Each structure stands twice: as structure tokens, then as C-alpha cells.
Amino acid sequence: MIFRSGVFSRRPDLPLHKFTKHWVEGHGPLAGELPEMHAYFQHHIVERIYESTPFPGDHPIDGLSQLWWDDVAAMERAEVSPEYAACKIDLPKFQGTITVLVLATAAQWKAPKQVEGEASSRLMVLTQLPQDSDGKRLDPAAMEEALRVAMTPGVKKAYQYEVVDRAHPVKAGLGSGQSPVSGWTEIVFENDEAISAWLKSSQAKEFTQHHPSGPLMAIYRIMRYTIKE
């Protein structure tokens, strides 16, 4: 499976609370109707723990969407649907500039003993495209090992995604960005205290300084909204 991600800034004149409300309550139901889509999650930034300086790319990041399909062909069929047309009409109401990326799972890790229930304490680690990448894919074995050694008590699971396609810009009267994200790691924690402990750990330092998918771009604590699952 793959997912499409809109990595975007909010409309400059829109206060954060109105941006959040419209994305969840206004846009969410529209995008949730896209055909053949299996799941749709919104990732709202709660805390900007780290952003590289100067920030790479041509726009800030205020949100990251995650819309899952079987493959790119299924996603492309959705892109010509009436439901997608309705989404594009709505986008300028809350978004500023958007970079559209297609990502696939490169590796994942789960704690041997899973804690029941869905945790809302999450970190998103974004890495930027290496200058000499030339479209090279990540080594799954290297990514799995990186995730394994980076995990500490209090981490429930972690997923590493890599960008596999940048050829689907959205045309909706918005700025079309070129954010150089090469991949993201989503880490799910038992609670916010576990996030604090992980950020102070030697494992986190090693992971963020020597990330297999490229130089560190940002670390965000995010709130995940499940629109469709």
C-alpha cells in the first residue's frame, strides 16, 4: 500500500484555531469520501521540537495528511473523481502552500509487549532529501535496524516511510511547494512523559544524527486525527 501526503502551510491570514477547526470539521468529511481510499489521518503539529535552520524547502509546515490506497493507480483514479474536485475547491479555505508526496512503508517496529489502546502521544521525525540521492530507495534492513536500536521503554511502535513519488502536485489555486522531505518516522509513545524520556536518550541522539533516509529536517510532536479507518 501507499499513501498520499499533503505537507502544507496554513493560509497566512487564518488563525491556528480556525485552521484546525476547518481542516478537521470542514475538509475532513470531504476528503473522507474519496473513492477506493482505505484510511485517512490528519497530523496536526502540537509542538515544534526541532526545525533545521535555515528551514529547507520553500514553505513552512503546519500539517501533514495521510491518505492510504492500494497503489498509485488507485490514487490516480481518485484524483479524477467528483469527490476530489470538491476537495480542491475547499483547499484554499485553509491551506497556503502544499507539497504533495507519495510514500510507502520502508520499515516498522513494535514493542514485544503491546500496551492496549491507541496512544495520542506521537512524534514525527522528518528527514530531507540527500543531495546525492538520485532517486535511490532506502535499504529496508538498514531502516529496520535503525528503528530497533532507537527505541526505548515507553515506545509502543514506530514506522519508517520513504518518499517514492513527487509527480502528483495539486492544482487548486494554491502555491505548489517543493519541500525536500525524503521520509518520515512516526513514533508512538505510551504517554508524553515517554516522549520526553526518548528525546533525552542516547538512542534518540544517534537516530536523529545518523538517520538512514537523510539529514534531519524537523521533529514535531503531533496530534493525530482519524477521519477514516
C-alpha atoms as a PDB file:
ATOM      1  CA  MET A   1       0.000   0.000   0.000  1.00  0.00           C
ATOM      2  CA  ILE A   2       0.948   3.656  -0.421  1.00  0.00           C
ATOM      3  CA  PHE A   3      -0.271   6.900   0.983  1.00  0.00           C
ATOM      4  CA  ARG A   4      -0.542  10.388  -0.374  1.00  0.00           C
ATOM      5  CA  SER A   5       0.587  13.174   1.937  1.00  0.00           C
ATOM      6  CA  GLY A   6      -0.100  16.840   1.689  1.00  0.00           C
ATOM      7  CA  VAL A   7       2.757  18.612   3.503  1.00  0.00           C
ATOM      8  CA  PHE A   8       1.491  22.148   3.759  1.00  0.00           C
ATOM      9  CA  SER A   9       1.380  25.531   5.433  1.00  0.00           C
ATOM     10  CA  ARG A  10      -1.783  27.157   6.677  1.00  0.00           C
ATOM     11  CA  ARG A  11      -3.335  30.148   4.956  1.00  0.00           C
ATOM     12  CA  PRO A  12      -1.353  33.166   6.251  1.00  0.00           C
ATOM     13  CA  ASP A  13      -4.399  35.156   7.360  1.00  0.00           C
ATOM     14  CA  LEU A  14      -6.036  32.228   9.184  1.00  0.00           C
ATOM     15  CA  PRO A  15      -5.576  31.891  12.972  1.00  0.00           C
ATOM     16  CA  LEU A  16      -4.377  28.488  14.128  1.00  0.00           C
ATOM     17  CA  HIS A  17      -7.632  27.546  15.862  1.00  0.00           C
ATOM     18  CA  LYS A  18      -9.678  28.305  12.736  1.00  0.00           C
ATOM     19  CA  PHE A  19      -7.188  26.379  10.574  1.00  0.00           C
ATOM     20  CA  THR A  20      -7.500  23.347  12.862  1.00  0.00           C
ATOM     21  CA  LYS A  21     -11.286  23.516  13.011  1.00  0.00           C
ATOM     22  CA  HIS A  22     -11.729  23.774   9.248  1.00  0.00           C
ATOM     23  CA  TRP A  23      -9.239  21.015   8.450  1.00  0.00           C
ATOM     24  CA  VAL A  24     -10.970  18.605  10.836  1.00  0.00           C
ATOM     25  CA  GLU A  25     -14.617  19.595  10.542  1.00  0.00           C
ATOM     26  CA  GLY A  26     -14.804  21.158   7.088  1.00  0.00           C
ATOM     27  CA  HIS A  27     -12.243  19.427   4.901  1.00  0.00           C
ATOM     28  CA  GLY A  28     -12.061  16.126   6.750  1.00  0.00           C
ATOM     29  CA  PRO A  29     -15.529  14.870   5.763  1.00  0.00           C
ATOM     30  CA  LEU A  30     -14.935  15.847   2.121  1.00  0.00           C
ATOM     31  CA  ALA A  31     -11.620  14.003   1.814  1.00  0.00           C
ATOM     32  CA  GLY A  32     -13.031  11.076   3.761  1.00  0.00           C
ATOM     33  CA  GLU A  33     -15.311  10.314   0.789  1.00  0.00           C
ATOM     34  CA  LEU A  34     -12.531   9.823  -1.790  1.00  0.00           C
ATOM     35  CA  PRO A  35     -13.118   6.578  -3.712  1.00  0.00           C
ATOM     36  CA  GLU A  36     -11.034   3.449  -3.028  1.00  0.00           C
ATOM     37  CA  MET A  37      -9.295   5.133  -0.093  1.00  0.00           C
ATOM     38  CA  HIS A  38      -8.731   2.802   2.874  1.00  0.00           C
ATOM     39  CA  ALA A  39      -7.756   5.268   5.620  1.00  0.00           C
ATOM     40  CA  TYR A  40      -7.306   8.983   6.195  1.00  0.00           C
ATOM     41  CA  PHE A  41      -5.376  10.582   9.063  1.00  0.00           C
ATOM     42  CA  GLN A  42      -4.542  14.214   9.802  1.00  0.00           C
ATOM     43  CA  HIS A  43      -1.372  15.129  11.706  1.00  0.00           C
ATOM     44  CA  HIS A  44      -1.604  18.478  13.491  1.00  0.00           C
ATOM     45  CA  ILE A  45       1.595  19.952  14.938  1.00  0.00           C
ATOM     46  CA  VAL A  46       1.326  20.403  18.691  1.00  0.00           C
ATOM     47  CA  GLU A  47       4.968  21.256  19.410  1.00  0.00           C
ATOM     48  CA  ARG A  48       7.912  22.117  17.160  1.00  0.00           C
ATOM     49  CA  ILE A  49      10.701  20.334  18.987  1.00  0.00           C
ATOM     50  CA  TYR A  50      13.290  20.904  16.267  1.00  0.00           C
ATOM     51  CA  GLU A  51      13.461  22.529  12.833  1.00  0.00           C
ATOM     52  CA  SER A  52      16.717  22.867  10.925  1.00  0.00           C
ATOM     53  CA  THR A  53      17.962  26.407  10.307  1.00  0.00           C
ATOM     54  CA  PRO A  54      17.579  27.654   7.659  1.00  0.00           C
ATOM     55  CA  PHE A  55      14.448  25.568   7.173  1.00  0.00           C
ATOM     56  CA  PRO A  56      14.778  23.617   3.912  1.00  0.00           C
ATOM     57  CA  GLY A  57      12.256  23.959   1.147  1.00  0.00           C
ATOM     58  CA  ASP A  58      10.084  26.848   0.073  1.00  0.00           C
ATOM     59  CA  HIS A  59       7.324  26.841   2.695  1.00  0.00           C
ATOM     60  CA  PRO A  60       6.777  26.127   6.381  1.00  0.00           C
ATOM     61  CA  ILE A  61       4.915  23.038   7.577  1.00  0.00           C
ATOM     62  CA  ASP A  62       1.715  23.328   9.607  1.00  0.00           C
ATOM     63  CA  GLY A  63       0.116  19.985   8.790  1.00  0.00           C
ATOM     64  CA  LEU A  64       0.680  16.590   7.205  1.00  0.00           C
ATOM     65  CA  SER A  65      -2.118  14.436   5.821  1.00  0.00           C
ATOM     66  CA  GLN A  66      -2.013  10.693   5.247  1.00  0.00           C
ATOM     67  CA  LEU A  67      -4.440   9.098   2.773  1.00  0.00           C
ATOM     68  CA  TRP A  68      -3.995   5.380   2.083  1.00  0.00           C
ATOM     69  CA  TRP A  69      -4.667   3.498  -1.173  1.00  0.00           C
ATOM     70  CA  ASP A  70      -3.708   0.086  -2.533  1.00  0.00           C
ATOM     71  CA  ASP A  71      -1.370   1.661  -5.079  1.00  0.00           C
ATOM     72  CA  VAL A  72      -0.663   4.782  -7.131  1.00  0.00           C
ATOM     73  CA  ALA A  73      -3.141   3.692  -9.820  1.00  0.00           C
ATOM     74  CA  ALA A  74      -5.995   3.658  -7.284  1.00  0.00           C
ATOM     75  CA  MET A  75      -4.910   7.074  -6.016  1.00  0.00           C
ATOM     76  CA  GLU A  76      -4.875   8.455  -9.557  1.00  0.00           C
ATOM     77  CA  ARG A  77      -8.424   7.197 -10.156  1.00  0.00           C
ATOM     78  CA  ALA A  78      -9.497   9.097  -7.055  1.00  0.00           C
ATOM     79  CA  GLU A  79      -7.779  12.230  -8.391  1.00  0.00           C
ATOM     80  CA  VAL A  80     -10.253  12.467 -11.294  1.00  0.00           C
ATOM     81  CA  SER A  81     -13.345  11.838  -9.161  1.00  0.00           C
ATOM     82  CA  PRO A  82     -16.065  14.380  -8.267  1.00  0.00           C
ATOM     83  CA  GLU A  83     -15.104  13.903  -4.611  1.00  0.00           C
ATOM     84  CA  TYR A  84     -11.558  15.044  -5.320  1.00  0.00           C
ATOM     85  CA  ALA A  85     -12.860  18.046  -7.247  1.00  0.00           C
ATOM     86  CA  ALA A  86     -14.847  19.062  -4.159  1.00  0.00           C
ATOM     87  CA  CYS A  87     -11.699  18.732  -2.032  1.00  0.00           C
ATOM     88  CA  LYS A  88      -9.745  21.029  -4.353  1.00  0.00           C
ATOM     89  CA  ILE A  89     -12.419  23.705  -4.126  1.00  0.00           C
ATOM     90  CA  ASP A  90     -12.153  23.591  -0.342  1.00  0.00           C
ATOM     91  CA  LEU A  91      -8.335  23.596  -0.011  1.00  0.00           C
ATOM     92  CA  PRO A  92      -7.781  27.382  -0.407  1.00  0.00           C
ATOM     93  CA  LYS A  93     -10.101  27.969   2.554  1.00  0.00           C
ATOM     94  CA  PHE A  94      -7.419  26.788   4.991  1.00  0.00           C
ATOM     95  CA  GLN A  95      -4.162  25.883   3.205  1.00  0.00           C
ATOM     96  CA  GLY A  96      -1.330  28.093   1.994  1.00  0.00           C
ATOM     97  CA  THR A  97       1.378  26.259   0.015  1.00  0.00           C
ATOM     98  CA  ILE A  98       1.361  22.486  -0.400  1.00  0.00           C
ATOM     99  CA  THR A  99       3.879  19.841  -1.408  1.00  0.00           C
ATOM    100  CA  VAL A 100       2.271  16.531  -2.403  1.00  0.00           C
ATOM    101  CA  LEU A 101       4.275  13.385  -1.726  1.00  0.00           C
ATOM    102  CA  VAL A 102       3.569   9.682  -2.171  1.00  0.00           C
ATOM    103  CA  LEU A 103       5.138   7.451   0.476  1.00  0.00           C
ATOM    104  CA  ALA A 104       5.494   3.740   1.174  1.00  0.00           C
ATOM    105  CA  THR A 105       6.430   1.828   4.298  1.00  0.00           C
ATOM    106  CA  ALA A 106      10.168   1.156   4.494  1.00  0.00           C
ATOM    107  CA  ALA A 107      10.296  -0.437   7.953  1.00  0.00           C
ATOM    108  CA  GLN A 108       8.332  -0.841  11.164  1.00  0.00           C
ATOM    109  CA  TRP A 109       8.926  -1.821  14.769  1.00  0.00           C
ATOM    110  CA  LYS A 110       6.575  -2.859  17.580  1.00  0.00           C
ATOM    111  CA  ALA A 111       7.296  -3.373  21.241  1.00  0.00           C
ATOM    112  CA  PRO A 112       7.359  -7.052  22.266  1.00  0.00           C
ATOM    113  CA  LYS A 113       4.597  -6.363  24.784  1.00  0.00           C
ATOM    114  CA  GLN A 114       1.978  -4.085  23.309  1.00  0.00           C
ATOM    115  CA  VAL A 115       0.009  -1.725  25.511  1.00  0.00           C
ATOM    116  CA  GLU A 116      -3.674  -1.890  24.652  1.00  0.00           C
ATOM    117  CA  GLY A 117      -5.400   1.123  23.169  1.00  0.00           C
ATOM    118  CA  GLU A 118      -4.437   3.841  20.709  1.00  0.00           C
ATOM    119  CA  ALA A 119      -1.944   6.356  22.054  1.00  0.00           C
ATOM    120  CA  SER A 120      -2.177  10.021  21.112  1.00  0.00           C
ATOM    121  CA  SER A 121       1.434  10.774  22.085  1.00  0.00           C
ATOM    122  CA  ARG A 122       3.344  10.803  18.813  1.00  0.00           C
ATOM    123  CA  LEU A 123       6.487  12.218  17.310  1.00  0.00           C
ATOM    124  CA  MET A 124       7.082  12.833  13.628  1.00  0.00           C
ATOM    125  CA  VAL A 125      10.722  12.900  12.535  1.00  0.00           C
ATOM    126  CA  LEU A 126      11.134  14.387   9.044  1.00  0.00           C
ATOM    127  CA  THR A 127      14.299  13.949   7.027  1.00  0.00           C
ATOM    128  CA  GLN A 128      15.311  15.885   3.947  1.00  0.00           C
ATOM    129  CA  LEU A 129      16.358  14.654   0.556  1.00  0.00           C
ATOM    130  CA  PRO A 130      20.128  13.987   0.414  1.00  0.00           C
ATOM    131  CA  GLN A 131      21.909  15.910  -2.319  1.00  0.00           C
ATOM    132  CA  ASP A 132      23.288  12.737  -3.897  1.00  0.00           C
ATOM    133  CA  SER A 133      20.144  10.600  -3.609  1.00  0.00           C
ATOM    134  CA  ASP A 134      19.326  10.390  -7.351  1.00  0.00           C
ATOM    135  CA  GLY A 135      16.122   8.504  -6.617  1.00  0.00           C
ATOM    136  CA  LYS A 136      17.811   5.773  -4.586  1.00  0.00           C
ATOM    137  CA  ARG A 137      15.486   3.695  -2.407  1.00  0.00           C
ATOM    138  CA  LEU A 138      16.154   3.135   1.259  1.00  0.00           C
ATOM    139  CA  ASP A 139      17.678  -0.121   2.421  1.00  0.00           C
ATOM    140  CA  PRO A 140      14.867  -1.855   4.390  1.00  0.00           C
ATOM    141  CA  ALA A 141      17.323  -3.823   6.525  1.00  0.00           C
ATOM    142  CA  ALA A 142      19.185  -0.638   7.485  1.00  0.00           C
ATOM    143  CA  MET A 143      15.931   1.108   8.335  1.00  0.00           C
ATOM    144  CA  GLU A 144      14.668  -1.791  10.450  1.00  0.00           C
ATOM    145  CA  GLU A 145      17.932  -1.858  12.381  1.00  0.00           C
ATOM    146  CA  ALA A 146      17.840   1.926  12.868  1.00  0.00           C
ATOM    147  CA  LEU A 147      14.339   1.708  14.299  1.00  0.00           C
ATOM    148  CA  ARG A 148      15.243  -1.203  16.551  1.00  0.00           C
ATOM    149  CA  VAL A 149      18.235   0.482  18.168  1.00  0.00           C
ATOM    150  CA  ALA A 150      16.413   3.822  18.524  1.00  0.00           C
ATOM    151  CA  MET A 151      13.538   2.503  20.600  1.00  0.00           C
ATOM    152  CA  THR A 152      13.394   2.887  24.404  1.00  0.00           C
ATOM    153  CA  PRO A 153      10.942   1.795  27.130  1.00  0.00           C
ATOM    154  CA  GLY A 154       7.707   3.691  26.685  1.00  0.00           C
ATOM    155  CA  VAL A 155       7.698   3.407  22.890  1.00  0.00           C
ATOM    156  CA  LYS A 156       4.819   1.314  21.567  1.00  0.00           C
ATOM    157  CA  LYS A 157       5.661   1.229  17.878  1.00  0.00           C
ATOM    158  CA  ALA A 158       7.414   3.096  15.093  1.00  0.00           C
ATOM    159  CA  TYR A 159       7.025   3.303  11.344  1.00  0.00           C
ATOM    160  CA  GLN A 160       9.502   4.498   8.746  1.00  0.00           C
ATOM    161  CA  TYR A 161       8.071   5.792   5.472  1.00  0.00           C
ATOM    162  CA  GLU A 162      10.008   6.828   2.377  1.00  0.00           C
ATOM    163  CA  VAL A 163       9.003   9.162  -0.439  1.00  0.00           C
ATOM    164  CA  VAL A 164       8.565   7.211  -3.675  1.00  0.00           C
ATOM    165  CA  ASP A 165       6.759   9.741  -5.895  1.00  0.00           C
ATOM    166  CA  ARG A 166       6.668  13.544  -6.245  1.00  0.00           C
ATOM    167  CA  ALA A 167       4.779  13.748  -9.530  1.00  0.00           C
ATOM    168  CA  HIS A 168       1.255  14.485  -8.265  1.00  0.00           C
ATOM    169  CA  PRO A 169       1.037  18.204  -7.484  1.00  0.00           C
ATOM    170  CA  VAL A 170      -2.374  19.505  -6.501  1.00  0.00           C
ATOM    171  CA  LYS A 171      -3.809  22.187  -8.789  1.00  0.00           C
ATOM    172  CA  ALA A 172      -6.301  24.097  -6.688  1.00  0.00           C
ATOM    173  CA  GLY A 173      -5.226  27.723  -6.794  1.00  0.00           C
ATOM    174  CA  LEU A 174      -2.614  27.116  -4.100  1.00  0.00           C
ATOM    175  CA  GLY A 175       1.128  27.551  -4.120  1.00  0.00           C
ATOM    176  CA  SER A 176       2.805  24.325  -5.237  1.00  0.00           C
ATOM    177  CA  GLY A 177       5.758  23.652  -2.969  1.00  0.00           C
ATOM    178  CA  GLN A 178       8.993  21.718  -3.273  1.00  0.00           C
ATOM    179  CA  SER A 179       9.606  20.632   0.313  1.00  0.00           C
ATOM    180  CA  PRO A 180      12.622  18.265   0.223  1.00  0.00           C
ATOM    181  CA  VAL A 181      11.169  15.654   2.589  1.00  0.00           C
ATOM    182  CA  SER A 182      12.726  12.264   1.872  1.00  0.00           C
ATOM    183  CA  GLY A 183      10.890  10.330   4.550  1.00  0.00           C
ATOM    184  CA  TRP A 184       9.296  10.449   7.937  1.00  0.00           C
ATOM    185  CA  THR A 185       9.442   8.326  11.036  1.00  0.00           C
ATOM    186  CA  GLU A 186       6.274   8.161  13.110  1.00  0.00           C
ATOM    187  CA  ILE A 187       6.907   7.055  16.700  1.00  0.00           C
ATOM    188  CA  VAL A 188       4.003   6.175  19.006  1.00  0.00           C
ATOM    189  CA  PHE A 189       4.555   6.510  22.751  1.00  0.00           C
ATOM    190  CA  GLU A 190       2.639   5.372  25.814  1.00  0.00           C
ATOM    191  CA  ASN A 191       2.368   8.981  27.037  1.00  0.00           C
ATOM    192  CA  ASP A 192       4.007  12.419  26.816  1.00  0.00           C
ATOM    193  CA  GLU A 193       6.446  11.530  29.612  1.00  0.00           C
ATOM    194  CA  ALA A 194       7.816   8.755  27.407  1.00  0.00           C
ATOM    195  CA  ILE A 195       8.383  11.311  24.632  1.00  0.00           C
ATOM    196  CA  SER A 196      10.439  13.479  26.998  1.00  0.00           C
ATOM    197  CA  ALA A 197      12.491  10.483  28.087  1.00  0.00           C
ATOM    198  CA  TRP A 198      13.137   9.407  24.499  1.00  0.00           C
ATOM    199  CA  LEU A 199      14.261  12.876  23.417  1.00  0.00           C
ATOM    200  CA  LYS A 200      16.880  12.861  26.190  1.00  0.00           C
ATOM    201  CA  SER A 201      18.135   9.360  25.380  1.00  0.00           C
ATOM    202  CA  SER A 202      21.344   8.381  23.623  1.00  0.00           C
ATOM    203  CA  GLN A 203      19.257   6.300  21.214  1.00  0.00           C
ATOM    204  CA  ALA A 204      17.356   9.361  20.030  1.00  0.00           C
ATOM    205  CA  LYS A 205      20.563  11.312  19.544  1.00  0.00           C
ATOM    206  CA  GLU A 206      22.092   8.519  17.482  1.00  0.00           C
ATOM    207  CA  PHE A 207      18.931   8.079  15.430  1.00  0.00           C
ATOM    208  CA  THR A 208      18.454  11.745  14.559  1.00  0.00           C
ATOM    209  CA  GLN A 209      22.139  12.429  13.838  1.00  0.00           C
ATOM    210  CA  HIS A 210      22.660   9.409  11.596  1.00  0.00           C
ATOM    211  CA  HIS A 211      19.277   8.843  10.029  1.00  0.00           C
ATOM    212  CA  PRO A 212      19.440   6.413   7.061  1.00  0.00           C
ATOM    213  CA  SER A 213      16.967   8.427   4.974  1.00  0.00           C
ATOM    214  CA  GLY A 214      18.912  11.681   5.037  1.00  0.00           C
ATOM    215  CA  PRO A 215      19.735  14.734   7.200  1.00  0.00           C
ATOM    216  CA  LEU A 216      17.310  15.726   9.921  1.00  0.00           C
ATOM    217  CA  MET A 217      14.729  18.314   8.859  1.00  0.00           C
ATOM    218  CA  ALA A 218      12.291  18.529  11.772  1.00  0.00           C
ATOM    219  CA  ILE A 219      10.911  16.818  14.856  1.00  0.00           C
ATOM    220  CA  TYR A 220       7.280  17.527  15.702  1.00  0.00           C
ATOM    221  CA  ARG A 221       5.002  16.338  18.456  1.00  0.00           C
ATOM    222  CA  ILE A 222       1.744  15.800  16.663  1.00  0.00           C
ATOM    223  CA  MET A 223      -1.910  15.155  17.352  1.00  0.00           C
ATOM    224  CA  ARG A 224      -3.358  12.543  15.036  1.00  0.00           C
ATOM    225  CA  TYR A 225      -6.979  12.848  13.962  1.00  0.00           C
ATOM    226  CA  THR A 226      -8.520   9.704  12.479  1.00  0.00           C
ATOM    227  CA  ILE A 227     -11.010  10.711   9.797  1.00  0.00           C
ATOM    228  CA  LYS A 228     -11.416   7.280   8.204  1.00  0.00           C
ATOM    229  CA  GLU A 229     -10.010   3.890   9.180  1.00  0.00           C
END
